Each structure stands twice: as C-alpha cells, then as structure tokens.
C-alpha cells in the first residue's frame, strides 16, 4: 500500500526533535524584496546526514 502524495511541511511550531538537533527555518530576503524560507542545519545535524548518506540509508 502506497504512502500517498507528499505533504508540505506545516508552518506550525517546529518539532521538539528538530529543535533539539538544531535544524531551524530561517527567513531570508531576495534583492527584489521577496522573502523565502530556508532550513539551516547545525553541525550535529550535518554530521548525522552525512553519516546516513555514506551508509546508504535514506
């Protein structure tokens, strides 16, 4: 049975796990004045993602 379509992340409160690990949303502004949101990762999260990538885990 499939999972269905992917859902966009909610604009609600960040999950406790994400907050504890250090993955945060940061709002930035383009030169045109348009704002957008990026996700920035702490060094701890970057190391975890790199380890998962190298181990071949999704």
PDB file of N, CA and C in Angstrom:
ATOM      1  N   UNK A   1       0.839  -1.180   0.000  1.00  0.00           N
ATOM      2  CA  UNK A   1       0.000   0.000   0.000  1.00  0.00           C
ATOM      3  C   UNK A   1       0.883   1.242   0.000  1.00  0.00           C
ATOM      4  N   UNK A   2       0.608   2.197  -0.879  1.00  0.00           N
ATOM      5  CA  UNK A   2       1.425   3.393  -1.009  1.00  0.00           C
ATOM      6  C   UNK A   2       1.206   4.394   0.112  1.00  0.00           C
ATOM      7  N   UNK A   3       2.098   5.317   0.182  1.00  0.00           N
ATOM      8  CA  UNK A   3       2.029   6.342   1.213  1.00  0.00           C
ATOM      9  C   UNK A   3       1.150   7.518   0.819  1.00  0.00           C
ATOM     10  N   UNK A   4       0.868   7.678  -0.460  1.00  0.00           N
ATOM     11  CA  UNK A   4       0.095   8.826  -0.907  1.00  0.00           C
ATOM     12  C   UNK A   4       1.013   9.993  -1.241  1.00  0.00           C
ATOM     13  N   UNK A   5       0.408  11.101  -1.617  1.00  0.00           N
ATOM     14  CA  UNK A   5       1.222  12.251  -2.009  1.00  0.00           C
ATOM     15  C   UNK A   5       1.962  12.849  -0.823  1.00  0.00           C
ATOM     16  N   UNK A   6       3.106  13.412  -1.119  1.00  0.00           N
ATOM     17  CA  UNK A   6       3.905  14.065  -0.075  1.00  0.00           C
ATOM     18  C   UNK A   6       3.190  15.326   0.384  1.00  0.00           C
ATOM     19  N   UNK A   7       3.301  15.600   1.664  1.00  0.00           N
ATOM     20  CA  UNK A   7       2.695  16.817   2.203  1.00  0.00           C
ATOM     21  C   UNK A   7       3.770  17.865   2.437  1.00  0.00           C
ATOM     22  N   UNK A   8       3.387  19.112   2.244  1.00  0.00           N
ATOM     23  CA  UNK A   8       4.302  20.215   2.543  1.00  0.00           C
ATOM     24  C   UNK A   8       4.434  20.333   4.050  1.00  0.00           C
ATOM     25  N   UNK A   9       5.617  20.730   4.522  1.00  0.00           N
ATOM     26  CA  UNK A   9       5.763  20.937   5.967  1.00  0.00           C
ATOM     27  C   UNK A   9       4.801  22.020   6.441  1.00  0.00           C
ATOM     28  N   UNK A  10       4.288  21.856   7.639  1.00  0.00           N
ATOM     29  CA  UNK A  10       3.370  22.855   8.172  1.00  0.00           C
ATOM     30  C   UNK A  10       4.142  24.094   8.605  1.00  0.00           C
ATOM     31  N   UNK A  11       3.448  25.175   8.702  1.00  0.00           N
ATOM     32  CA  UNK A  11       4.055  26.425   9.156  1.00  0.00           C
ATOM     33  C   UNK A  11       3.955  26.537  10.675  1.00  0.00           C
ATOM     34  N   UNK A  12       3.574  25.448  11.333  1.00  0.00           N
ATOM     35  CA  UNK A  12       3.378  25.457  12.778  1.00  0.00           C
ATOM     36  C   UNK A  12       4.682  25.448  13.553  1.00  0.00           C
ATOM     37  N   UNK A  13       4.588  25.083  14.788  1.00  0.00           N
ATOM     38  CA  UNK A  13       5.732  25.048  15.684  1.00  0.00           C
ATOM     39  C   UNK A  13       6.674  23.913  15.283  1.00  0.00           C
ATOM     40  N   UNK A  14       7.981  24.168  15.267  1.00  0.00           N
ATOM     41  CA  UNK A  14       8.927  23.102  14.927  1.00  0.00           C
ATOM     42  C   UNK A  14       8.827  21.953  15.933  1.00  0.00           C
ATOM     43  N   UNK A  15       9.080  20.755  15.454  1.00  0.00           N
ATOM     44  CA  UNK A  15       9.033  19.603  16.355  1.00  0.00           C
ATOM     45  C   UNK A  15      10.154  19.714  17.380  1.00  0.00           C
ATOM     46  N   UNK A  16       9.932  19.110  18.520  1.00  0.00           N
ATOM     47  CA  UNK A  16      10.923  19.138  19.588  1.00  0.00           C
ATOM     48  C   UNK A  16      12.234  18.513  19.110  1.00  0.00           C
ATOM     49  N   UNK A  17      12.149  17.389  18.370  1.00  0.00           N
ATOM     50  CA  UNK A  17      13.362  16.717  17.889  1.00  0.00           C
ATOM     51  C   UNK A  17      14.159  17.641  16.978  1.00  0.00           C
ATOM     52  N   UNK A  18      13.470  18.301  16.055  1.00  0.00           N
ATOM     53  CA  UNK A  18      14.161  19.194  15.127  1.00  0.00           C
ATOM     54  C   UNK A  18      14.810  20.349  15.886  1.00  0.00           C
ATOM     55  N   UNK A  19      14.096  20.870  16.861  1.00  0.00           N
ATOM     56  CA  UNK A  19      14.623  21.967  17.657  1.00  0.00           C
ATOM     57  C   UNK A  19      15.850  21.529  18.463  1.00  0.00           C
ATOM     58  N   UNK A  20      15.785  20.339  19.067  1.00  0.00           N
ATOM     59  CA  UNK A  20      16.901  19.844  19.871  1.00  0.00           C
ATOM     60  C   UNK A  20      18.129  19.550  19.023  1.00  0.00           C
ATOM     61  N   UNK A  21      17.908  19.045  17.811  1.00  0.00           N
ATOM     62  CA  UNK A  21      19.032  18.714  16.926  1.00  0.00           C
ATOM     63  C   UNK A  21      19.664  19.951  16.308  1.00  0.00           C
ATOM     64  N   UNK A  22      18.879  20.987  16.128  1.00  0.00           N
ATOM     65  CA  UNK A  22      19.439  22.206  15.558  1.00  0.00           C
ATOM     66  C   UNK A  22      19.135  22.405  14.097  1.00  0.00           C
ATOM     67  N   UNK A  23      17.980  21.959  13.647  1.00  0.00           N
ATOM     68  CA  UNK A  23      17.532  22.249  12.289  1.00  0.00           C
ATOM     69  C   UNK A  23      16.490  23.350  12.409  1.00  0.00           C
ATOM     70  N   UNK A  24      16.801  24.517  11.873  1.00  0.00           N
ATOM     71  CA  UNK A  24      15.914  25.666  12.045  1.00  0.00           C
ATOM     72  C   UNK A  24      15.536  26.278  10.707  1.00  0.00           C
ATOM     73  N   UNK A  25      14.352  26.876  10.665  1.00  0.00           N
ATOM     74  CA  UNK A  25      13.911  27.621   9.491  1.00  0.00           C
ATOM     75  C   UNK A  25      14.354  29.069   9.644  1.00  0.00           C
ATOM     76  N   UNK A  26      14.932  29.615   8.585  1.00  0.00           N
ATOM     77  CA  UNK A  26      15.402  30.996   8.601  1.00  0.00           C
ATOM     78  C   UNK A  26      14.773  31.717   7.420  1.00  0.00           C
ATOM     79  N   UNK A  27      14.167  32.860   7.686  1.00  0.00           N
ATOM     80  CA  UNK A  27      13.576  33.641   6.609  1.00  0.00           C
ATOM     81  C   UNK A  27      14.634  34.585   6.040  1.00  0.00           C
ATOM     82  N   UNK A  28      14.723  34.587   4.715  1.00  0.00           N
ATOM     83  CA  UNK A  28      15.684  35.454   4.016  1.00  0.00           C
ATOM     84  C   UNK A  28      14.943  36.313   3.008  1.00  0.00           C
ATOM     85  N   UNK A  29      15.621  37.342   2.547  1.00  0.00           N
ATOM     86  CA  UNK A  29      15.013  38.256   1.583  1.00  0.00           C
ATOM     87  C   UNK A  29      15.896  38.364   0.350  1.00  0.00           C
ATOM     88  N   UNK A  30      15.275  38.170  -0.809  1.00  0.00           N
ATOM     89  CA  UNK A  30      15.986  38.336  -2.078  1.00  0.00           C
ATOM     90  C   UNK A  30      16.203  39.819  -2.346  1.00  0.00           C
ATOM     91  N   UNK A  31      17.068  40.131  -3.297  1.00  0.00           N
ATOM     92  CA  UNK A  31      17.310  41.513  -3.684  1.00  0.00           C
ATOM     93  C   UNK A  31      16.042  42.214  -4.149  1.00  0.00           C
ATOM     94  N   UNK A  32      15.105  41.435  -4.669  1.00  0.00           N
ATOM     95  CA  UNK A  32      13.843  42.001  -5.163  1.00  0.00           C
ATOM     96  C   UNK A  32      12.879  42.332  -4.028  1.00  0.00           C
ATOM     97  N   UNK A  33      13.235  41.938  -2.792  1.00  0.00           N
ATOM     98  CA  UNK A  33      12.363  42.178  -1.648  1.00  0.00           C
ATOM     99  C   UNK A  33      11.486  40.999  -1.296  1.00  0.00           C
ATOM    100  N   UNK A  34      11.457  39.975  -2.165  1.00  0.00           N
ATOM    101  CA  UNK A  34      10.656  38.779  -1.904  1.00  0.00           C
ATOM    102  C   UNK A  34      11.314  37.962  -0.793  1.00  0.00           C
ATOM    103  N   UNK A  35      10.518  37.467   0.149  1.00  0.00           N
ATOM    104  CA  UNK A  35      11.064  36.652   1.225  1.00  0.00           C
ATOM    105  C   UNK A  35      10.867  35.172   0.912  1.00  0.00           C
ATOM    106  N   UNK A  36      11.759  34.360   1.452  1.00  0.00           N
ATOM    107  CA  UNK A  36      11.684  32.915   1.310  1.00  0.00           C
ATOM    108  C   UNK A  36      12.280  32.273   2.560  1.00  0.00           C
ATOM    109  N   UNK A  37      11.984  31.011   2.751  1.00  0.00           N
ATOM    110  CA  UNK A  37      12.440  30.300   3.943  1.00  0.00           C
ATOM    111  C   UNK A  37      13.416  29.205   3.552  1.00  0.00           C
ATOM    112  N   UNK A  38      14.507  29.109   4.294  1.00  0.00           N
ATOM    113  CA  UNK A  38      15.481  28.036   4.099  1.00  0.00           C
ATOM    114  C   UNK A  38      15.612  27.267   5.410  1.00  0.00           C
ATOM    115  N   UNK A  39      16.083  26.055   5.315  1.00  0.00           N
ATOM    116  CA  UNK A  39      16.349  25.264   6.516  1.00  0.00           C
ATOM    117  C   UNK A  39      17.855  25.239   6.712  1.00  0.00           C
ATOM    118  N   UNK A  40      18.297  25.634   7.893  1.00  0.00           N
ATOM    119  CA  UNK A  40      19.723  25.596   8.225  1.00  0.00           C
ATOM    120  C   UNK A  40      19.940  24.506   9.261  1.00  0.00           C
ATOM    121  N   UNK A  41      21.021  23.767   9.109  1.00  0.00           N
ATOM    122  CA  UNK A  41      21.330  22.637   9.977  1.00  0.00           C
ATOM    123  C   UNK A  41      22.544  22.937  10.841  1.00  0.00           C
ATOM    124  N   UNK A  42      22.464  22.534  12.094  1.00  0.00           N
ATOM    125  CA  UNK A  42      23.620  22.655  12.981  1.00  0.00           C
ATOM    126  C   UNK A  42      24.688  21.674  12.518  1.00  0.00           C
ATOM    127  N   UNK A  43      25.897  21.826  13.036  1.00  0.00           N
ATOM    128  CA  UNK A  43      26.982  20.902  12.696  1.00  0.00           C
ATOM    129  C   UNK A  43      26.595  19.470  13.055  1.00  0.00           C
ATOM    130  N   UNK A  44      25.873  19.283  14.164  1.00  0.00           N
ATOM    131  CA  UNK A  44      25.449  17.944  14.600  1.00  0.00           C
ATOM    132  C   UNK A  44      24.523  17.302  13.559  1.00  0.00           C
ATOM    133  N   UNK A  45      23.571  18.054  13.049  1.00  0.00           N
ATOM    134  CA  UNK A  45      22.642  17.514  12.047  1.00  0.00           C
ATOM    135  C   UNK A  45      23.384  17.249  10.742  1.00  0.00           C
ATOM    136  N   UNK A  46      24.297  18.142  10.350  1.00  0.00           N
ATOM    137  CA  UNK A  46      25.065  17.935   9.125  1.00  0.00           C
ATOM    138  C   UNK A  46      25.877  16.646   9.204  1.00  0.00           C
ATOM    139  N   UNK A  47      26.487  16.385  10.350  1.00  0.00           N
ATOM    140  CA  UNK A  47      27.266  15.153  10.529  1.00  0.00           C
ATOM    141  C   UNK A  47      26.368  13.921  10.446  1.00  0.00           C
ATOM    142  N   UNK A  48      25.178  13.995  11.055  1.00  0.00           N
ATOM    143  CA  UNK A  48      24.234  12.884  11.011  1.00  0.00           C
ATOM    144  C   UNK A  48      23.787  12.605   9.578  1.00  0.00           C
ATOM    145  N   UNK A  49      23.429  13.646   8.839  1.00  0.00           N
ATOM    146  CA  UNK A  49      23.004  13.473   7.454  1.00  0.00           C
ATOM    147  C   UNK A  49      24.116  12.896   6.590  1.00  0.00           C
ATOM    148  N   UNK A  50      25.338  13.364   6.793  1.00  0.00           N
ATOM    149  CA  UNK A  50      26.477  12.855   6.041  1.00  0.00           C
ATOM    150  C   UNK A  50      26.716  11.376   6.356  1.00  0.00           C
ATOM    151  N   UNK A  51      26.609  11.002   7.628  1.00  0.00           N
ATOM    152  CA  UNK A  51      26.795   9.599   8.017  1.00  0.00           C
ATOM    153  C   UNK A  51      25.722   8.719   7.386  1.00  0.00           C
ATOM    154  N   UNK A  52      24.476   9.182   7.394  1.00  0.00           N
ATOM    155  CA  UNK A  52      23.387   8.417   6.777  1.00  0.00           C
ATOM    156  C   UNK A  52      23.624   8.260   5.279  1.00  0.00           C
ATOM    157  N   UNK A  53      24.071   9.325   4.622  1.00  0.00           N
ATOM    158  CA  UNK A  53      24.367   9.289   3.203  1.00  0.00           C
ATOM    159  C   UNK A  53      25.475   8.291   2.892  1.00  0.00           C
ATOM    160  N   UNK A  54      26.539   8.348   3.666  1.00  0.00           N
ATOM    161  CA  UNK A  54      27.680   7.448   3.426  1.00  0.00           C
ATOM    162  C   UNK A  54      27.327   6.003   3.695  1.00  0.00           C
ATOM    163  N   UNK A  55      26.418   5.765   4.652  1.00  0.00           N
ATOM    164  CA  UNK A  55      25.990   4.391   4.970  1.00  0.00           C
ATOM    165  C   UNK A  55      24.935   3.877   3.998  1.00  0.00           C
ATOM    166  N   UNK A  56      24.426   4.753   3.132  1.00  0.00           N
ATOM    167  CA  UNK A  56      23.432   4.347   2.168  1.00  0.00           C
ATOM    168  C   UNK A  56      22.027   4.301   2.718  1.00  0.00           C
ATOM    169  N   UNK A  57      21.785   4.949   3.845  1.00  0.00           N
ATOM    170  CA  UNK A  57      20.456   4.981   4.441  1.00  0.00           C
ATOM    171  C   UNK A  57      19.726   6.231   3.991  1.00  0.00           C
ATOM    172  N   UNK A  58      18.434   6.096   3.669  1.00  0.00           N
ATOM    173  CA  UNK A  58      17.664   7.275   3.252  1.00  0.00           C
ATOM    174  C   UNK A  58      17.393   8.197   4.414  1.00  0.00           C
TER     175      UNK A  58
END
